[in-house]
């Protein structure tokens, strides 16, 4: 990957924040301009224009006040449940169910 192509790669990354969430191995198949380059060439090109990788931060539970209120109401109601009622309730860890903190997404960032 030559210098003008690396500059176009950098410009493409800067066009949209969503471009930074595309793994380098997928860039050649998604962007026709870079289809002649493989994963390793794309990674090297990113390094040479000043990008490295970091793990993207993930948002955990909702910070919406309405969701807070619903959770508090549920907790207040559940304090008075009988054992039979507790055993009927299905609890799930929504962060785990949707990937959340247990998956890692690497994104390019400037050094």
N, C-alpha and C. Protein backbone atom coordinates (compact mmCIF):
# COMPACT_ATOMS: atom_id res chain seq x y z
N UNK A 1 0.86 -1.17 0.00
CA UNK A 1 0.00 0.00 0.00
C UNK A 1 0.91 1.24 0.00
N UNK A 2 0.78 2.04 -1.04
CA UNK A 2 1.65 3.22 -1.15
C UNK A 2 1.09 4.40 -0.35
N UNK A 3 1.88 5.47 -0.29
CA UNK A 3 1.52 6.62 0.53
C UNK A 3 0.19 7.27 0.14
N UNK A 4 -0.08 7.52 -1.14
CA UNK A 4 -1.39 8.10 -1.48
C UNK A 4 -2.56 7.20 -1.07
N UNK A 5 -2.39 5.90 -1.19
CA UNK A 5 -3.46 4.97 -0.80
C UNK A 5 -3.65 5.00 0.71
N UNK A 6 -2.55 5.07 1.46
CA UNK A 6 -2.66 5.17 2.92
C UNK A 6 -3.37 6.46 3.32
N UNK A 7 -3.09 7.54 2.60
CA UNK A 7 -3.77 8.82 2.89
C UNK A 7 -5.27 8.69 2.62
N UNK A 8 -5.64 7.99 1.55
CA UNK A 8 -7.06 7.78 1.26
C UNK A 8 -7.71 6.89 2.33
N UNK A 9 -6.95 5.92 2.83
CA UNK A 9 -7.45 5.06 3.91
C UNK A 9 -7.71 5.91 5.16
N UNK A 10 -6.78 6.79 5.50
CA UNK A 10 -6.96 7.68 6.65
C UNK A 10 -8.19 8.58 6.44
N UNK A 11 -8.31 9.15 5.23
CA UNK A 11 -9.45 10.02 4.93
C UNK A 11 -10.77 9.25 5.03
N UNK A 12 -10.76 8.00 4.55
CA UNK A 12 -11.96 7.18 4.63
C UNK A 12 -12.35 6.94 6.10
N UNK A 13 -11.36 6.66 6.96
CA UNK A 13 -11.65 6.47 8.38
C UNK A 13 -12.26 7.71 9.01
N UNK A 14 -11.81 8.88 8.57
CA UNK A 14 -12.27 10.13 9.16
C UNK A 14 -13.62 10.60 8.60
N UNK A 15 -14.08 9.99 7.52
CA UNK A 15 -15.36 10.39 6.91
C UNK A 15 -16.54 10.17 7.85
N UNK A 16 -16.51 9.11 8.62
CA UNK A 16 -17.64 8.77 9.48
C UNK A 16 -17.14 8.03 10.72
N UNK A 17 -17.66 8.35 11.90
CA UNK A 17 -17.27 7.61 13.10
C UNK A 17 -17.57 6.12 13.00
N UNK A 18 -18.58 5.76 12.23
CA UNK A 18 -18.92 4.34 12.10
C UNK A 18 -17.83 3.56 11.36
N UNK A 19 -17.04 4.23 10.53
CA UNK A 19 -15.97 3.54 9.81
C UNK A 19 -14.92 2.99 10.77
N UNK A 20 -14.76 3.63 11.92
CA UNK A 20 -13.76 3.17 12.88
C UNK A 20 -14.15 1.86 13.55
N UNK A 21 -15.41 1.48 13.44
CA UNK A 21 -15.86 0.24 14.08
C UNK A 21 -15.79 -0.96 13.13
N UNK A 22 -15.30 -0.74 11.93
CA UNK A 22 -15.15 -1.84 10.97
C UNK A 22 -13.76 -2.45 11.17
N UNK A 23 -13.71 -3.74 11.36
CA UNK A 23 -12.43 -4.42 11.56
C UNK A 23 -11.58 -4.30 10.30
N UNK A 24 -10.27 -4.12 10.47
CA UNK A 24 -9.38 -3.99 9.30
C UNK A 24 -9.51 -5.14 8.30
N UNK A 25 -9.81 -6.35 8.79
CA UNK A 25 -9.94 -7.48 7.86
C UNK A 25 -11.16 -7.35 6.95
N UNK A 26 -12.14 -6.52 7.34
CA UNK A 26 -13.35 -6.35 6.53
C UNK A 26 -13.28 -5.15 5.59
N UNK A 27 -12.33 -4.26 5.80
CA UNK A 27 -12.25 -3.05 4.98
C UNK A 27 -12.10 -3.37 3.49
N UNK A 28 -11.19 -4.27 3.09
CA UNK A 28 -11.06 -4.54 1.65
C UNK A 28 -12.34 -5.06 0.99
N UNK A 29 -13.14 -5.82 1.72
CA UNK A 29 -14.37 -6.34 1.11
C UNK A 29 -15.51 -5.33 1.12
N UNK A 30 -15.45 -4.34 2.01
CA UNK A 30 -16.53 -3.35 2.10
C UNK A 30 -16.26 -2.09 1.30
N UNK A 31 -14.99 -1.77 1.07
CA UNK A 31 -14.64 -0.54 0.36
C UNK A 31 -13.92 -0.94 -0.92
N UNK A 32 -14.58 -0.81 -2.07
CA UNK A 32 -14.00 -1.27 -3.33
C UNK A 32 -12.62 -0.67 -3.62
N UNK A 33 -12.39 0.53 -3.18
CA UNK A 33 -11.10 1.19 -3.42
C UNK A 33 -9.93 0.42 -2.80
N UNK A 34 -10.19 -0.31 -1.73
CA UNK A 34 -9.13 -1.04 -1.04
C UNK A 34 -9.23 -2.55 -1.24
N UNK A 35 -10.01 -2.98 -2.22
CA UNK A 35 -10.23 -4.41 -2.43
C UNK A 35 -8.98 -5.16 -2.89
N UNK A 36 -7.99 -4.44 -3.41
CA UNK A 36 -6.77 -5.10 -3.88
C UNK A 36 -5.80 -5.40 -2.74
N UNK A 37 -6.13 -4.95 -1.53
CA UNK A 37 -5.22 -5.13 -0.40
C UNK A 37 -5.80 -6.11 0.60
N UNK A 38 -4.93 -6.88 1.20
CA UNK A 38 -5.37 -7.86 2.20
C UNK A 38 -5.42 -7.27 3.59
N UNK A 39 -5.72 -8.15 4.54
CA UNK A 39 -5.85 -7.72 5.93
C UNK A 39 -4.54 -7.16 6.47
N UNK A 40 -3.45 -7.84 6.20
CA UNK A 40 -2.15 -7.41 6.74
C UNK A 40 -1.73 -6.06 6.15
N UNK A 41 -1.95 -5.87 4.86
CA UNK A 41 -1.61 -4.59 4.23
C UNK A 41 -2.47 -3.46 4.81
N UNK A 42 -3.72 -3.76 5.07
CA UNK A 42 -4.62 -2.75 5.65
C UNK A 42 -4.17 -2.39 7.06
N UNK A 43 -3.83 -3.39 7.86
CA UNK A 43 -3.34 -3.13 9.22
C UNK A 43 -2.06 -2.30 9.19
N UNK A 44 -1.15 -2.67 8.31
CA UNK A 44 0.11 -1.94 8.20
C UNK A 44 -0.15 -0.51 7.74
N UNK A 45 -1.04 -0.34 6.78
CA UNK A 45 -1.40 1.00 6.32
C UNK A 45 -1.96 1.85 7.44
N UNK A 46 -2.79 1.26 8.27
CA UNK A 46 -3.35 2.00 9.41
C UNK A 46 -2.26 2.41 10.39
N UNK A 47 -1.32 1.51 10.65
CA UNK A 47 -0.21 1.84 11.55
C UNK A 47 0.64 2.97 11.00
N UNK A 48 0.90 2.92 9.69
CA UNK A 48 1.78 3.93 9.08
C UNK A 48 1.14 5.32 9.02
N UNK A 49 -0.17 5.41 9.08
CA UNK A 49 -0.81 6.73 9.10
C UNK A 49 -1.15 7.16 10.53
N UNK A 50 -0.62 6.43 11.52
CA UNK A 50 -0.73 6.87 12.90
C UNK A 50 -1.85 6.27 13.71
N UNK A 51 -2.41 5.15 13.26
CA UNK A 51 -3.49 4.53 14.01
C UNK A 51 -2.99 3.28 14.72
N UNK A 52 -3.53 3.06 15.91
CA UNK A 52 -3.31 1.82 16.63
C UNK A 52 -4.69 1.28 16.98
N UNK A 53 -4.74 0.20 17.75
CA UNK A 53 -6.03 -0.37 18.12
C UNK A 53 -6.25 -0.20 19.62
N UNK A 54 -7.49 -0.05 19.99
CA UNK A 54 -7.87 -0.07 21.40
C UNK A 54 -9.21 -0.78 21.50
N UNK A 55 -9.54 -1.19 22.69
CA UNK A 55 -10.83 -1.84 22.90
C UNK A 55 -11.87 -0.75 23.10
N UNK A 56 -12.93 -0.82 22.33
CA UNK A 56 -14.00 0.17 22.42
C UNK A 56 -14.74 0.01 23.75
N UNK A 57 -15.08 1.12 24.36
CA UNK A 57 -15.85 1.08 25.59
C UNK A 57 -17.27 0.66 25.27
N UNK A 58 -17.84 -0.09 26.17
CA UNK A 58 -19.21 -0.56 26.00
C UNK A 58 -20.09 0.09 27.06
N UNK A 59 -21.26 0.45 26.66
CA UNK A 59 -22.21 1.00 27.62
C UNK A 59 -22.91 -0.16 28.31
N UNK A 60 -23.02 -0.08 29.61
CA UNK A 60 -23.68 -1.14 30.37
C UNK A 60 -25.18 -0.94 30.41
N UNK A 61 -25.73 -0.87 31.59
CA UNK A 61 -27.17 -0.70 31.74
C UNK A 61 -27.58 0.70 31.31
N UNK A 62 -28.84 0.85 30.99
CA UNK A 62 -29.38 2.11 30.52
C UNK A 62 -29.30 3.19 31.60
N UNK A 63 -29.01 4.42 31.17
CA UNK A 63 -29.00 5.54 32.10
C UNK A 63 -30.24 6.42 31.90
N UNK A 64 -31.23 5.86 31.27
CA UNK A 64 -32.49 6.55 31.04
C UNK A 64 -33.27 6.64 32.36
N UNK A 65 -33.71 7.83 32.77
CA UNK A 65 -34.45 7.96 34.04
C UNK A 65 -35.70 7.08 34.11
N UNK A 66 -36.35 6.87 32.99
CA UNK A 66 -37.54 6.01 32.97
C UNK A 66 -37.17 4.57 33.31
N UNK A 67 -36.04 4.10 32.79
CA UNK A 67 -35.58 2.74 33.09
C UNK A 67 -35.19 2.64 34.56
N UNK A 68 -34.51 3.67 35.09
CA UNK A 68 -34.18 3.70 36.52
C UNK A 68 -35.46 3.54 37.36
N UNK A 69 -36.49 4.31 37.01
CA UNK A 69 -37.74 4.29 37.76
C UNK A 69 -38.37 2.90 37.71
N UNK A 70 -38.39 2.29 36.52
CA UNK A 70 -38.98 0.95 36.38
C UNK A 70 -38.21 -0.08 37.21
N UNK A 71 -36.89 0.02 37.21
CA UNK A 71 -36.09 -0.93 37.99
C UNK A 71 -36.32 -0.76 39.49
N UNK A 72 -36.41 0.49 39.92
CA UNK A 72 -36.66 0.76 41.33
C UNK A 72 -38.03 0.23 41.75
N UNK A 73 -39.04 0.46 40.93
CA UNK A 73 -40.39 -0.05 41.22
C UNK A 73 -40.37 -1.58 41.32
N UNK A 74 -39.67 -2.22 40.39
CA UNK A 74 -39.58 -3.68 40.40
C UNK A 74 -38.90 -4.15 41.69
N UNK A 75 -37.81 -3.50 42.08
CA UNK A 75 -37.07 -3.90 43.28
C UNK A 75 -37.91 -3.69 44.53
N UNK A 76 -38.63 -2.56 44.60
CA UNK A 76 -39.48 -2.29 45.77
C UNK A 76 -40.58 -3.34 45.88
N UNK A 77 -41.19 -3.69 44.76
CA UNK A 77 -42.24 -4.71 44.76
C UNK A 77 -41.68 -6.07 45.14
N UNK A 78 -40.51 -6.39 44.62
CA UNK A 78 -39.92 -7.72 44.83
C UNK A 78 -39.47 -7.94 46.27
N UNK A 79 -39.25 -6.87 47.03
CA UNK A 79 -38.84 -7.03 48.44
C UNK A 79 -39.89 -7.79 49.25
N UNK A 80 -41.13 -7.75 48.82
CA UNK A 80 -42.22 -8.34 49.59
C UNK A 80 -42.73 -9.65 48.98
N UNK A 81 -42.01 -10.20 48.03
CA UNK A 81 -42.44 -11.45 47.40
C UNK A 81 -42.22 -12.63 48.34
N UNK A 82 -43.07 -13.62 48.18
CA UNK A 82 -42.87 -14.88 48.89
C UNK A 82 -41.81 -15.69 48.14
N UNK A 83 -41.32 -16.73 48.80
CA UNK A 83 -40.31 -17.58 48.17
C UNK A 83 -40.86 -18.21 46.90
N UNK A 84 -42.12 -18.61 46.91
CA UNK A 84 -42.72 -19.21 45.72
C UNK A 84 -42.72 -18.23 44.55
N UNK A 85 -43.03 -16.97 44.86
CA UNK A 85 -43.06 -15.94 43.80
C UNK A 85 -41.65 -15.69 43.25
N UNK A 86 -40.66 -15.66 44.11
CA UNK A 86 -39.28 -15.45 43.66
C UNK A 86 -38.84 -16.58 42.74
N UNK A 87 -39.22 -17.81 43.10
CA UNK A 87 -38.81 -18.96 42.29
C UNK A 87 -39.52 -19.00 40.93
N UNK A 88 -40.62 -18.27 40.79
CA UNK A 88 -41.32 -18.21 39.51
C UNK A 88 -40.72 -17.16 38.57
N UNK A 89 -39.95 -16.26 39.12
CA UNK A 89 -39.39 -15.16 38.33
C UNK A 89 -38.18 -15.64 37.54
N UNK A 90 -38.10 -15.23 36.30
CA UNK A 90 -36.93 -15.53 35.47
C UNK A 90 -36.06 -14.28 35.45
N UNK A 91 -34.82 -14.43 35.90
CA UNK A 91 -33.88 -13.31 35.89
C UNK A 91 -32.86 -13.55 34.79
N UNK A 92 -32.49 -12.50 34.10
CA UNK A 92 -31.44 -12.63 33.09
C UNK A 92 -30.51 -11.44 33.19
N UNK A 93 -29.29 -11.67 32.82
CA UNK A 93 -28.29 -10.61 32.81
C UNK A 93 -28.32 -10.00 31.42
N UNK A 94 -28.98 -8.85 31.27
CA UNK A 94 -29.17 -8.29 29.93
C UNK A 94 -27.85 -7.89 29.27
N UNK A 95 -26.85 -7.51 30.05
CA UNK A 95 -25.56 -7.15 29.46
C UNK A 95 -24.94 -8.38 28.82
N UNK A 96 -25.00 -9.51 29.51
CA UNK A 96 -24.45 -10.74 28.95
C UNK A 96 -25.25 -11.18 27.73
N UNK A 97 -26.57 -11.05 27.79
CA UNK A 97 -27.42 -11.52 26.69
C UNK A 97 -27.18 -10.75 25.41
N UNK A 98 -26.80 -9.51 25.50
CA UNK A 98 -26.60 -8.68 24.31
C UNK A 98 -25.13 -8.42 24.03
N UNK A 99 -24.22 -9.22 24.55
CA UNK A 99 -22.80 -9.02 24.30
C UNK A 99 -22.17 -8.18 25.38
N UNK A 100 -22.58 -6.95 25.50
CA UNK A 100 -22.17 -6.04 26.56
C UNK A 100 -20.71 -6.11 26.94
N UNK A 101 -20.47 -6.24 28.22
CA UNK A 101 -19.11 -6.20 28.76
C UNK A 101 -18.32 -7.47 28.44
N UNK A 102 -18.97 -8.49 27.96
CA UNK A 102 -18.29 -9.76 27.74
C UNK A 102 -17.82 -9.97 26.31
N UNK A 103 -17.90 -8.94 25.50
CA UNK A 103 -17.34 -9.00 24.16
C UNK A 103 -16.40 -7.82 24.00
N UNK A 104 -15.43 -7.95 23.12
CA UNK A 104 -14.50 -6.86 22.90
C UNK A 104 -14.54 -6.46 21.44
N UNK A 105 -14.58 -5.18 21.23
CA UNK A 105 -14.59 -4.64 19.88
C UNK A 105 -13.38 -3.73 19.76
N UNK A 106 -12.49 -4.05 18.85
CA UNK A 106 -11.29 -3.23 18.66
C UNK A 106 -11.57 -2.17 17.60
N UNK A 107 -11.21 -0.93 17.90
CA UNK A 107 -11.38 0.14 16.92
C UNK A 107 -10.07 0.87 16.74
N UNK A 108 -9.82 1.40 15.55
CA UNK A 108 -8.61 2.17 15.33
C UNK A 108 -8.70 3.52 16.04
N UNK A 109 -7.61 3.97 16.60
CA UNK A 109 -7.55 5.29 17.22
C UNK A 109 -6.18 5.88 16.94
N UNK A 110 -6.10 7.19 16.94
CA UNK A 110 -4.80 7.83 16.70
C UNK A 110 -3.94 7.67 17.94
N UNK A 111 -2.66 7.58 17.73
CA UNK A 111 -1.72 7.38 18.84
C UNK A 111 -1.54 8.64 19.64
